[in-house]
N, C-alpha and C. Protein backbone atom coordinates (compact mmCIF):
# COMPACT_ATOMS: atom_id res chain seq x y z
N MET A 1 3.06 52.79 1.22
CA MET A 1 3.67 53.93 0.58
C MET A 1 3.59 53.77 -0.96
N THR A 2 3.14 54.81 -1.59
CA THR A 2 2.95 54.77 -3.05
C THR A 2 4.26 55.19 -3.73
N VAL A 3 4.74 54.34 -4.64
CA VAL A 3 5.99 54.63 -5.36
C VAL A 3 5.71 54.55 -6.83
N VAL A 4 6.24 55.52 -7.59
CA VAL A 4 6.10 55.56 -9.03
C VAL A 4 7.49 55.77 -9.62
N VAL A 5 7.84 54.94 -10.58
CA VAL A 5 9.17 55.02 -11.23
C VAL A 5 9.00 55.63 -12.59
N LEU A 6 9.88 56.57 -12.93
CA LEU A 6 9.85 57.22 -14.21
C LEU A 6 10.16 56.24 -15.35
N ARG A 7 9.25 56.16 -16.32
CA ARG A 7 9.42 55.27 -17.45
C ARG A 7 10.22 55.99 -18.55
N ASN A 8 10.78 55.22 -19.48
CA ASN A 8 11.52 55.79 -20.60
C ASN A 8 10.61 56.66 -21.42
N GLY A 9 11.06 57.90 -21.68
CA GLY A 9 10.29 58.81 -22.53
C GLY A 9 9.07 59.40 -21.87
N GLU A 10 8.91 59.22 -20.54
CA GLU A 10 7.74 59.75 -19.84
C GLU A 10 8.04 61.15 -19.30
N SER A 11 7.11 62.06 -19.50
CA SER A 11 7.31 63.41 -18.99
C SER A 11 6.99 63.48 -17.50
N GLN A 12 7.41 64.57 -16.88
CA GLN A 12 7.15 64.78 -15.46
C GLN A 12 5.66 64.89 -15.20
N GLU A 13 4.91 65.51 -16.13
CA GLU A 13 3.47 65.69 -15.98
C GLU A 13 2.78 64.34 -15.98
N GLN A 14 3.20 63.44 -16.87
CA GLN A 14 2.61 62.11 -16.97
C GLN A 14 2.93 61.29 -15.70
N LEU A 15 4.15 61.47 -15.22
CA LEU A 15 4.57 60.76 -14.00
C LEU A 15 3.70 61.23 -12.81
N LEU A 16 3.52 62.54 -12.71
CA LEU A 16 2.72 63.10 -11.64
C LEU A 16 1.25 62.64 -11.72
N LYS A 17 0.71 62.59 -12.95
CA LYS A 17 -0.65 62.16 -13.18
C LYS A 17 -0.83 60.68 -12.74
N ARG A 18 0.15 59.85 -13.07
CA ARG A 18 0.13 58.46 -12.67
C ARG A 18 0.19 58.30 -11.15
N PHE A 19 1.03 59.14 -10.51
CA PHE A 19 1.18 59.12 -9.07
C PHE A 19 -0.12 59.47 -8.38
N ARG A 20 -0.76 60.54 -8.89
CA ARG A 20 -2.05 60.96 -8.31
C ARG A 20 -3.10 59.86 -8.40
N LYS A 21 -3.16 59.20 -9.55
CA LYS A 21 -4.12 58.11 -9.74
C LYS A 21 -3.86 57.01 -8.72
N LYS A 22 -2.59 56.66 -8.51
CA LYS A 22 -2.27 55.58 -7.55
C LYS A 22 -2.68 55.99 -6.15
N VAL A 23 -2.44 57.24 -5.81
CA VAL A 23 -2.80 57.74 -4.46
C VAL A 23 -4.29 57.64 -4.25
N VAL A 24 -5.05 58.09 -5.24
CA VAL A 24 -6.53 58.07 -5.14
C VAL A 24 -7.00 56.60 -5.04
N LYS A 25 -6.45 55.74 -5.88
CA LYS A 25 -6.87 54.34 -5.87
C LYS A 25 -6.55 53.63 -4.58
N SER A 26 -5.41 53.99 -3.96
CA SER A 26 -5.03 53.36 -2.69
C SER A 26 -5.87 53.81 -1.50
N GLY A 27 -6.51 54.97 -1.65
CA GLY A 27 -7.40 55.49 -0.59
C GLY A 27 -6.68 56.14 0.54
N VAL A 28 -5.41 56.57 0.32
CA VAL A 28 -4.64 57.16 1.39
C VAL A 28 -5.26 58.51 1.81
N LEU A 29 -5.63 59.34 0.88
CA LEU A 29 -6.17 60.66 1.23
C LEU A 29 -7.47 60.54 1.99
N SER A 30 -8.33 59.66 1.56
CA SER A 30 -9.62 59.54 2.24
C SER A 30 -9.42 59.01 3.68
N THR A 31 -8.44 58.13 3.86
CA THR A 31 -8.13 57.61 5.19
C THR A 31 -7.61 58.75 6.08
N VAL A 32 -6.75 59.55 5.54
CA VAL A 32 -6.16 60.68 6.30
C VAL A 32 -7.26 61.65 6.72
N ARG A 33 -8.12 61.98 5.75
CA ARG A 33 -9.23 62.91 6.06
C ARG A 33 -10.13 62.33 7.14
N ARG A 34 -10.43 61.05 7.03
CA ARG A 34 -11.34 60.40 8.00
C ARG A 34 -10.73 60.35 9.40
N LYS A 35 -9.43 60.16 9.48
CA LYS A 35 -8.77 60.00 10.77
C LYS A 35 -8.20 61.29 11.31
N ARG A 36 -8.57 62.41 10.68
CA ARG A 36 -8.02 63.69 11.07
C ARG A 36 -8.45 64.04 12.51
N TRP A 37 -9.68 63.67 12.85
CA TRP A 37 -10.20 63.90 14.20
C TRP A 37 -10.67 62.58 14.76
N PHE A 38 -10.55 62.47 16.09
CA PHE A 38 -10.96 61.22 16.75
C PHE A 38 -12.51 61.20 16.84
N VAL A 39 -13.11 60.06 16.45
CA VAL A 39 -14.54 59.90 16.55
C VAL A 39 -14.74 58.58 17.33
N SER A 40 -15.48 58.68 18.41
CA SER A 40 -15.72 57.50 19.24
C SER A 40 -16.57 56.50 18.51
N LYS A 41 -16.56 55.27 18.97
CA LYS A 41 -17.33 54.18 18.33
C LYS A 41 -18.83 54.52 18.32
N SER A 42 -19.32 55.03 19.43
CA SER A 42 -20.78 55.31 19.49
C SER A 42 -21.15 56.44 18.55
N GLU A 43 -20.28 57.44 18.43
CA GLU A 43 -20.50 58.54 17.50
C GLU A 43 -20.47 58.03 16.09
N GLN A 44 -19.52 57.13 15.77
CA GLN A 44 -19.40 56.57 14.44
C GLN A 44 -20.66 55.78 14.06
N ARG A 45 -21.16 54.97 15.00
CA ARG A 45 -22.40 54.22 14.76
C ARG A 45 -23.58 55.17 14.50
N ARG A 46 -23.66 56.22 15.27
CA ARG A 46 -24.73 57.20 15.12
C ARG A 46 -24.70 57.87 13.73
N ILE A 47 -23.48 58.18 13.30
CA ILE A 47 -23.31 58.83 11.96
C ILE A 47 -23.69 57.86 10.87
N GLU A 48 -23.23 56.60 11.01
CA GLU A 48 -23.55 55.59 10.00
C GLU A 48 -25.08 55.33 9.92
N ARG A 49 -25.70 55.28 11.07
CA ARG A 49 -27.16 55.08 11.10
C ARG A 49 -27.88 56.22 10.39
N LYS A 50 -27.42 57.43 10.67
CA LYS A 50 -28.02 58.62 10.07
C LYS A 50 -27.85 58.59 8.56
N LYS A 51 -26.66 58.18 8.07
CA LYS A 51 -26.41 58.07 6.65
C LYS A 51 -27.32 57.02 5.99
N ALA A 52 -27.50 55.88 6.70
CA ALA A 52 -28.36 54.82 6.18
C ALA A 52 -29.80 55.29 6.03
N ILE A 53 -30.31 56.00 7.00
CA ILE A 53 -31.68 56.49 6.97
C ILE A 53 -31.82 57.48 5.82
N ARG A 54 -30.82 58.32 5.64
CA ARG A 54 -30.86 59.26 4.51
C ARG A 54 -30.87 58.58 3.17
N ARG A 55 -30.05 57.53 3.03
CA ARG A 55 -30.02 56.75 1.78
C ARG A 55 -31.35 56.11 1.48
N LEU A 56 -31.96 55.54 2.50
CA LEU A 56 -33.27 54.89 2.33
C LEU A 56 -34.36 55.91 1.91
N LYS A 57 -34.32 57.08 2.52
CA LYS A 57 -35.30 58.13 2.16
C LYS A 57 -35.12 58.56 0.70
N ARG A 58 -33.86 58.68 0.28
CA ARG A 58 -33.59 59.07 -1.11
C ARG A 58 -34.10 57.99 -2.08
N ARG A 59 -33.85 56.74 -1.74
CA ARG A 59 -34.30 55.64 -2.63
C ARG A 59 -35.82 55.61 -2.73
N GLN A 60 -36.51 55.81 -1.61
CA GLN A 60 -37.94 55.80 -1.60
C GLN A 60 -38.52 56.97 -2.39
N ALA A 61 -37.88 58.14 -2.27
CA ALA A 61 -38.31 59.31 -3.01
C ALA A 61 -38.10 59.11 -4.50
N LYS A 62 -37.03 58.43 -4.84
CA LYS A 62 -36.70 58.18 -6.24
C LYS A 62 -37.74 57.22 -6.88
N ARG A 63 -38.19 56.25 -6.08
CA ARG A 63 -39.16 55.25 -6.59
C ARG A 63 -40.52 55.91 -6.85
N ARG A 64 -40.88 56.91 -6.05
CA ARG A 64 -42.18 57.56 -6.18
C ARG A 64 -42.32 58.33 -7.48
N ARG A 65 -41.22 58.76 -8.05
CA ARG A 65 -41.26 59.58 -9.27
C ARG A 65 -41.73 58.80 -10.44
C-alpha cells in the first residue's frame, strides 16, 4: 500500500503529484491492468512468444536502414 505524508509547507497538488509518482513506480496500476482478466499459462506463453518475434523483426528492420 502506497502512503504519502504531507510535508511542512507542501500544497495538496504537490502531495498528489508525489503520490502519483509513487504509485507508478511501485507498478500497482500495471499489475491491476494485467490481472484484470484471467489468462492461462499457455495463452501467456503464446503472447510472450508473439511479442518476442515482433521485437526481433523490429530490430532486424532497424539494422537494415
